[in-house]
């Protein structure tokens, strides 16, 4: 599968490396693609790098891994290129970095954090995933098998898009745990029950069951 990475930092970069090593074709991007040479070399022959616009064009699935405050601007410039595509939203709102808009989103009990991204990309199939895992665990604990796999939760309004993302999670040696539509993504949000927690699939499923 062709995967575009918009934002090739700790999460996007490590995720892209794993996906390339798993056999996917990965297009890393940043505003300074010349700085991504070492990342492409690490990912191997299945990877290349360029601009966010090129990554959005390239990917059948596109990973959005940017500061939360940049979602509106990025979506505004790329929404036509992302139309009809599955977009993996790894972004979290941190007021200390993203300012008042992140604070308002965190305090708004009527809207889930990724529903903000859904609003900005209404013609894409947005799936929330990879926002709960610490980047060192993503980097160092991939490609495990069976009961040794760590769980990665996901949520999204389109079941087919969730299935695609779940398959990608499995491809890189983690265990997908599907929470359902975006309204059920609350445990994945910053400082909530699944955020930055190292769990096996059974532990995560039990946590979700307890919350229900």
C-alpha atoms as a PDB file:
ATOM      1  CA  UNK A   1       0.000   0.000   0.000  1.00  0.00           C
ATOM      2  CA  UNK A   2       1.161   3.557  -0.702  1.00  0.00           C
ATOM      3  CA  UNK A   3       1.404   5.589   2.498  1.00  0.00           C
ATOM      4  CA  UNK A   4       2.017   9.324   2.719  1.00  0.00           C
ATOM      5  CA  UNK A   5       3.458  10.693   5.965  1.00  0.00           C
ATOM      6  CA  UNK A   6       2.675  14.340   6.691  1.00  0.00           C
ATOM      7  CA  UNK A   7       4.932  15.232   9.573  1.00  0.00           C
ATOM      8  CA  UNK A   8       7.952  12.938   9.878  1.00  0.00           C
ATOM      9  CA  UNK A   9       8.861  13.468  13.525  1.00  0.00           C
ATOM     10  CA  UNK A  10       8.899  11.040  16.448  1.00  0.00           C
ATOM     11  CA  UNK A  11       5.593   9.339  15.625  1.00  0.00           C
ATOM     12  CA  UNK A  12       5.303   9.851  11.872  1.00  0.00           C
ATOM     13  CA  UNK A  13       8.954   9.074  11.270  1.00  0.00           C
ATOM     14  CA  UNK A  14       9.085   5.875  13.307  1.00  0.00           C
ATOM     15  CA  UNK A  15       5.740   4.702  11.970  1.00  0.00           C
ATOM     16  CA  UNK A  16       6.885   5.307   8.405  1.00  0.00           C
ATOM     17  CA  UNK A  17      10.110   3.363   8.954  1.00  0.00           C
ATOM     18  CA  UNK A  18       8.176   0.370  10.276  1.00  0.00           C
ATOM     19  CA  UNK A  19       5.635   0.481   7.464  1.00  0.00           C
ATOM     20  CA  UNK A  20       8.395   0.581   4.856  1.00  0.00           C
ATOM     21  CA  UNK A  21      10.145  -2.343   6.522  1.00  0.00           C
ATOM     22  CA  UNK A  22       6.823  -4.214   6.480  1.00  0.00           C
ATOM     23  CA  UNK A  23       6.616  -3.813   2.699  1.00  0.00           C
ATOM     24  CA  UNK A  24       4.491  -0.699   2.276  1.00  0.00           C
ATOM     25  CA  UNK A  25       5.641   2.118  -0.010  1.00  0.00           C
ATOM     26  CA  UNK A  26       6.217   5.180   2.151  1.00  0.00           C
ATOM     27  CA  UNK A  27       6.512   8.836   1.203  1.00  0.00           C
ATOM     28  CA  UNK A  28       7.895  10.890   4.081  1.00  0.00           C
ATOM     29  CA  UNK A  29       7.366  14.626   3.997  1.00  0.00           C
ATOM     30  CA  UNK A  30       8.097  17.877   5.757  1.00  0.00           C
ATOM     31  CA  UNK A  31       8.500  21.509   4.847  1.00  0.00           C
ATOM     32  CA  UNK A  32      12.226  20.751   4.625  1.00  0.00           C
ATOM     33  CA  UNK A  33      12.399  17.381   2.847  1.00  0.00           C
ATOM     34  CA  UNK A  34      16.146  17.696   2.401  1.00  0.00           C
ATOM     35  CA  UNK A  35      16.408  17.011   6.133  1.00  0.00           C
ATOM     36  CA  UNK A  36      14.774  13.587   5.763  1.00  0.00           C
ATOM     37  CA  UNK A  37      17.665  11.844   4.001  1.00  0.00           C
ATOM     38  CA  UNK A  38      18.748   9.788   7.009  1.00  0.00           C
ATOM     39  CA  UNK A  39      15.150   8.749   7.707  1.00  0.00           C
ATOM     40  CA  UNK A  40      14.722   7.500   4.148  1.00  0.00           C
ATOM     41  CA  UNK A  41      18.008   5.614   4.398  1.00  0.00           C
ATOM     42  CA  UNK A  42      16.860   3.997   7.632  1.00  0.00           C
ATOM     43  CA  UNK A  43      13.523   2.993   6.080  1.00  0.00           C
ATOM     44  CA  UNK A  44      15.183   1.423   3.050  1.00  0.00           C
ATOM     45  CA  UNK A  45      14.263   0.962  -0.571  1.00  0.00           C
ATOM     46  CA  UNK A  46      10.513   1.295  -0.022  1.00  0.00           C
ATOM     47  CA  UNK A  47      10.828   4.923   1.084  1.00  0.00           C
ATOM     48  CA  UNK A  48      11.256   8.354  -0.432  1.00  0.00           C
ATOM     49  CA  UNK A  49      10.723  11.927   0.718  1.00  0.00           C
ATOM     50  CA  UNK A  50       9.271  15.190  -0.512  1.00  0.00           C
ATOM     51  CA  UNK A  51       6.780  17.887   0.337  1.00  0.00           C
ATOM     52  CA  UNK A  52       3.476  17.442   2.195  1.00  0.00           C
ATOM     53  CA  UNK A  53       1.635  18.110  -1.056  1.00  0.00           C
ATOM     54  CA  UNK A  54       3.523  15.294  -2.756  1.00  0.00           C
ATOM     55  CA  UNK A  55       2.914  12.930   0.160  1.00  0.00           C
ATOM     56  CA  UNK A  56      -0.815  13.726   0.102  1.00  0.00           C
ATOM     57  CA  UNK A  57      -0.929  12.993  -3.625  1.00  0.00           C
ATOM     58  CA  UNK A  58       1.074   9.798  -3.244  1.00  0.00           C
ATOM     59  CA  UNK A  59      -0.647   8.061  -0.379  1.00  0.00           C
ATOM     60  CA  UNK A  60      -3.651   5.784  -0.591  1.00  0.00           C
ATOM     61  CA  UNK A  61      -3.500   6.161   3.184  1.00  0.00           C
ATOM     62  CA  UNK A  62      -2.078   9.359   4.664  1.00  0.00           C
ATOM     63  CA  UNK A  63      -0.696   9.729   8.179  1.00  0.00           C
ATOM     64  CA  UNK A  64      -1.268  13.145   9.745  1.00  0.00           C
ATOM     65  CA  UNK A  65       1.364  13.604  12.456  1.00  0.00           C
ATOM     66  CA  UNK A  66       1.729  17.338  13.042  1.00  0.00           C
ATOM     67  CA  UNK A  67       1.192  19.776  15.920  1.00  0.00           C
ATOM     68  CA  UNK A  68      -2.514  20.044  16.698  1.00  0.00           C
ATOM     69  CA  UNK A  69      -2.517  23.779  16.036  1.00  0.00           C
ATOM     70  CA  UNK A  70      -1.388  23.088  12.455  1.00  0.00           C
ATOM     71  CA  UNK A  71      -4.334  20.831  11.575  1.00  0.00           C
ATOM     72  CA  UNK A  72      -6.569  23.637  10.285  1.00  0.00           C
ATOM     73  CA  UNK A  73      -3.910  25.151   8.001  1.00  0.00           C
ATOM     74  CA  UNK A  74      -2.738  21.758   6.743  1.00  0.00           C
ATOM     75  CA  UNK A  75      -6.261  20.524   6.117  1.00  0.00           C
ATOM     76  CA  UNK A  76      -7.121  23.749   4.334  1.00  0.00           C
ATOM     77  CA  UNK A  77      -4.271  23.338   1.879  1.00  0.00           C
ATOM     78  CA  UNK A  78      -4.524  19.562   1.376  1.00  0.00           C
ATOM     79  CA  UNK A  79      -8.187  18.660   1.768  1.00  0.00           C
ATOM     80  CA  UNK A  80      -8.759  18.246  -1.975  1.00  0.00           C
ATOM     81  CA  UNK A  81      -5.759  15.927  -2.261  1.00  0.00           C
ATOM     82  CA  UNK A  82      -7.005  13.939   0.755  1.00  0.00           C
ATOM     83  CA  UNK A  83     -10.572  13.651  -0.492  1.00  0.00           C
ATOM     84  CA  UNK A  84     -11.800  10.063  -0.364  1.00  0.00           C
ATOM     85  CA  UNK A  85      -8.643   8.808   1.362  1.00  0.00           C
ATOM     86  CA  UNK A  86      -8.097   7.221   4.740  1.00  0.00           C
ATOM     87  CA  UNK A  87      -6.307   9.675   7.024  1.00  0.00           C
ATOM     88  CA  UNK A  88      -4.665   8.394  10.208  1.00  0.00           C
ATOM     89  CA  UNK A  89      -4.810  11.150  12.810  1.00  0.00           C
ATOM     90  CA  UNK A  90      -2.004  10.771  15.378  1.00  0.00           C
ATOM     91  CA  UNK A  91      -2.308  14.350  16.664  1.00  0.00           C
ATOM     92  CA  UNK A  92      -2.932  15.382  20.271  1.00  0.00           C
ATOM     93  CA  UNK A  93      -3.852  18.829  21.638  1.00  0.00           C
ATOM     94  CA  UNK A  94      -1.279  20.149  24.092  1.00  0.00           C
ATOM     95  CA  UNK A  95      -2.097  23.680  25.330  1.00  0.00           C
ATOM     96  CA  UNK A  96       1.520  24.340  26.304  1.00  0.00           C
ATOM     97  CA  UNK A  97       2.482  23.871  22.645  1.00  0.00           C
ATOM     98  CA  UNK A  98      -0.715  24.548  20.712  1.00  0.00           C
ATOM     99  CA  UNK A  99      -2.206  27.413  22.724  1.00  0.00           C
ATOM    100  CA  UNK A 100      -5.777  28.314  23.577  1.00  0.00           C
ATOM    101  CA  UNK A 101      -7.373  26.333  20.755  1.00  0.00           C
ATOM    102  CA  UNK A 102      -6.022  23.121  22.256  1.00  0.00           C
ATOM    103  CA  UNK A 103      -7.262  24.109  25.699  1.00  0.00           C
ATOM    104  CA  UNK A 104     -10.758  24.717  24.326  1.00  0.00           C
ATOM    105  CA  UNK A 105     -10.814  21.345  22.569  1.00  0.00           C
ATOM    106  CA  UNK A 106      -9.616  19.551  25.697  1.00  0.00           C
ATOM    107  CA  UNK A 107     -12.346  21.193  27.776  1.00  0.00           C
ATOM    108  CA  UNK A 108     -15.162  20.694  25.254  1.00  0.00           C
ATOM    109  CA  UNK A 109     -17.143  17.685  26.474  1.00  0.00           C
ATOM    110  CA  UNK A 110     -19.415  17.763  23.415  1.00  0.00           C
ATOM    111  CA  UNK A 111     -16.683  16.894  20.912  1.00  0.00           C
ATOM    112  CA  UNK A 112     -13.955  14.290  20.826  1.00  0.00           C
ATOM    113  CA  UNK A 113     -10.455  15.556  20.044  1.00  0.00           C
ATOM    114  CA  UNK A 114     -10.235  13.872  16.639  1.00  0.00           C
ATOM    115  CA  UNK A 115     -13.689  15.102  15.663  1.00  0.00           C
ATOM    116  CA  UNK A 116     -11.946  18.448  15.172  1.00  0.00           C
ATOM    117  CA  UNK A 117      -9.863  16.786  12.448  1.00  0.00           C
ATOM    118  CA  UNK A 118     -13.001  15.188  11.010  1.00  0.00           C
ATOM    119  CA  UNK A 119     -14.572  18.636  10.756  1.00  0.00           C
ATOM    120  CA  UNK A 120     -11.539  19.977   8.914  1.00  0.00           C
ATOM    121  CA  UNK A 121     -11.388  16.972   6.552  1.00  0.00           C
ATOM    122  CA  UNK A 122     -15.077  16.159   6.004  1.00  0.00           C
ATOM    123  CA  UNK A 123     -14.452  14.271   2.763  1.00  0.00           C
ATOM    124  CA  UNK A 124     -11.754  11.979   4.171  1.00  0.00           C
ATOM    125  CA  UNK A 125     -12.152   8.838   6.272  1.00  0.00           C
ATOM    126  CA  UNK A 126     -10.341   9.883   9.440  1.00  0.00           C
ATOM    127  CA  UNK A 127      -9.128   7.187  11.825  1.00  0.00           C
ATOM    128  CA  UNK A 128      -7.601   8.055  15.180  1.00  0.00           C
ATOM    129  CA  UNK A 129      -4.585   5.838  15.915  1.00  0.00           C
ATOM    130  CA  UNK A 130      -0.979   5.960  17.150  1.00  0.00           C
ATOM    131  CA  UNK A 131      -1.729   8.981  19.329  1.00  0.00           C
ATOM    132  CA  UNK A 132      -1.638   7.001  22.576  1.00  0.00           C
ATOM    133  CA  UNK A 133       1.759   5.341  22.243  1.00  0.00           C
ATOM    134  CA  UNK A 134       5.001   6.932  23.448  1.00  0.00           C
ATOM    135  CA  UNK A 135       7.355   7.284  20.511  1.00  0.00           C
ATOM    136  CA  UNK A 136      10.101   5.176  22.108  1.00  0.00           C
ATOM    137  CA  UNK A 137       7.672   2.279  22.497  1.00  0.00           C
ATOM    138  CA  UNK A 138       6.581   2.700  18.885  1.00  0.00           C
ATOM    139  CA  UNK A 139      10.223   2.734  17.817  1.00  0.00           C
ATOM    140  CA  UNK A 140      11.509  -0.112  19.980  1.00  0.00           C
ATOM    141  CA  UNK A 141       8.622  -2.546  20.465  1.00  0.00           C
ATOM    142  CA  UNK A 142       7.408  -3.184  16.932  1.00  0.00           C
ATOM    143  CA  UNK A 143       7.406  -6.497  15.070  1.00  0.00           C
ATOM    144  CA  UNK A 144       6.472  -8.655  18.025  1.00  0.00           C
ATOM    145  CA  UNK A 145       4.303 -11.716  17.621  1.00  0.00           C
ATOM    146  CA  UNK A 146       1.321 -13.235  19.356  1.00  0.00           C
ATOM    147  CA  UNK A 147       0.901 -12.459  23.032  1.00  0.00           C
ATOM    148  CA  UNK A 148       4.073 -10.337  23.067  1.00  0.00           C
ATOM    149  CA  UNK A 149       2.461  -7.647  20.918  1.00  0.00           C
ATOM    150  CA  UNK A 150       1.505  -4.338  22.489  1.00  0.00           C
ATOM    151  CA  UNK A 151      -1.985  -3.010  21.838  1.00  0.00           C
ATOM    152  CA  UNK A 152      -2.702   0.028  19.671  1.00  0.00           C
ATOM    153  CA  UNK A 153      -6.264   1.380  19.954  1.00  0.00           C
ATOM    154  CA  UNK A 154      -8.052   2.954  17.003  1.00  0.00           C
ATOM    155  CA  UNK A 155     -11.382   4.626  16.312  1.00  0.00           C
ATOM    156  CA  UNK A 156     -13.122   6.041  13.255  1.00  0.00           C
ATOM    157  CA  UNK A 157     -16.515   6.505  11.691  1.00  0.00           C
ATOM    158  CA  UNK A 158     -15.889   4.364   8.609  1.00  0.00           C
ATOM    159  CA  UNK A 159     -15.581   0.600   9.308  1.00  0.00           C
ATOM    160  CA  UNK A 160     -13.639  -0.079   6.096  1.00  0.00           C
ATOM    161  CA  UNK A 161     -11.096   2.612   6.947  1.00  0.00           C
ATOM    162  CA  UNK A 162     -10.735   1.164  10.451  1.00  0.00           C
ATOM    163  CA  UNK A 163     -10.076  -2.262   8.921  1.00  0.00           C
ATOM    164  CA  UNK A 164      -7.339  -0.827   6.720  1.00  0.00           C
ATOM    165  CA  UNK A 165      -5.642   0.850   9.661  1.00  0.00           C
ATOM    166  CA  UNK A 166      -6.024  -2.246  11.834  1.00  0.00           C
ATOM    167  CA  UNK A 167      -4.248  -4.223   9.131  1.00  0.00           C
ATOM    168  CA  UNK A 168      -1.380  -1.743   9.083  1.00  0.00           C
ATOM    169  CA  UNK A 169      -1.072  -1.947  12.871  1.00  0.00           C
ATOM    170  CA  UNK A 170      -0.831  -5.738  12.579  1.00  0.00           C
ATOM    171  CA  UNK A 171       1.694  -5.460   9.753  1.00  0.00           C
ATOM    172  CA  UNK A 172       4.194  -3.729  12.037  1.00  0.00           C
ATOM    173  CA  UNK A 173       3.793  -6.151  14.912  1.00  0.00           C
ATOM    174  CA  UNK A 174       1.308  -4.451  17.202  1.00  0.00           C
ATOM    175  CA  UNK A 175      -2.195  -5.628  18.105  1.00  0.00           C
ATOM    176  CA  UNK A 176      -5.090  -3.425  16.926  1.00  0.00           C
ATOM    177  CA  UNK A 177      -7.943  -2.809  19.356  1.00  0.00           C
ATOM    178  CA  UNK A 178     -10.933  -1.296  17.562  1.00  0.00           C
ATOM    179  CA  UNK A 179     -12.991   1.003  19.787  1.00  0.00           C
ATOM    180  CA  UNK A 180     -15.596   1.694  17.098  1.00  0.00           C
ATOM    181  CA  UNK A 181     -16.718   5.071  15.831  1.00  0.00           C
ATOM    182  CA  UNK A 182     -15.182   8.376  16.849  1.00  0.00           C
ATOM    183  CA  UNK A 183     -17.725   8.947  19.609  1.00  0.00           C
ATOM    184  CA  UNK A 184     -16.056   6.063  21.471  1.00  0.00           C
ATOM    185  CA  UNK A 185     -12.528   7.478  21.252  1.00  0.00           C
ATOM    186  CA  UNK A 186     -12.586   9.267  24.628  1.00  0.00           C
ATOM    187  CA  UNK A 187     -10.305   6.719  26.383  1.00  0.00           C
ATOM    188  CA  UNK A 188      -7.619   7.475  23.757  1.00  0.00           C
ATOM    189  CA  UNK A 189      -7.451  11.172  24.519  1.00  0.00           C
ATOM    190  CA  UNK A 190      -4.667  12.950  26.377  1.00  0.00           C
ATOM    191  CA  UNK A 191      -4.352  11.805  29.992  1.00  0.00           C
ATOM    192  CA  UNK A 192      -7.293   9.409  29.639  1.00  0.00           C
ATOM    193  CA  UNK A 193      -7.386   5.663  30.338  1.00  0.00           C
ATOM    194  CA  UNK A 194      -5.474   4.433  27.252  1.00  0.00           C
ATOM    195  CA  UNK A 195      -3.163   7.404  26.751  1.00  0.00           C
ATOM    196  CA  UNK A 196       0.550   6.571  27.025  1.00  0.00           C
ATOM    197  CA  UNK A 197      -0.227   3.189  28.567  1.00  0.00           C
ATOM    198  CA  UNK A 198       1.748   0.050  27.751  1.00  0.00           C
ATOM    199  CA  UNK A 199      -0.861  -2.701  27.489  1.00  0.00           C
ATOM    200  CA  UNK A 200      -1.273  -6.094  25.936  1.00  0.00           C
ATOM    201  CA  UNK A 201      -4.501  -6.610  23.946  1.00  0.00           C
ATOM    202  CA  UNK A 202      -6.274  -8.446  26.767  1.00  0.00           C
ATOM    203  CA  UNK A 203      -5.455  -5.699  29.249  1.00  0.00           C
ATOM    204  CA  UNK A 204      -6.760  -3.030  26.921  1.00  0.00           C
ATOM    205  CA  UNK A 205      -9.948  -4.925  26.149  1.00  0.00           C
ATOM    206  CA  UNK A 206     -10.567  -5.402  29.868  1.00  0.00           C
ATOM    207  CA  UNK A 207     -10.004  -1.686  30.468  1.00  0.00           C
ATOM    208  CA  UNK A 208     -12.497  -0.773  27.755  1.00  0.00           C
ATOM    209  CA  UNK A 209     -15.021  -3.300  29.083  1.00  0.00           C
ATOM    210  CA  UNK A 210     -14.653  -1.821  32.568  1.00  0.00           C
ATOM    211  CA  UNK A 211     -15.302   1.685  31.207  1.00  0.00           C
ATOM    212  CA  UNK A 212     -18.489   0.502  29.522  1.00  0.00           C
END
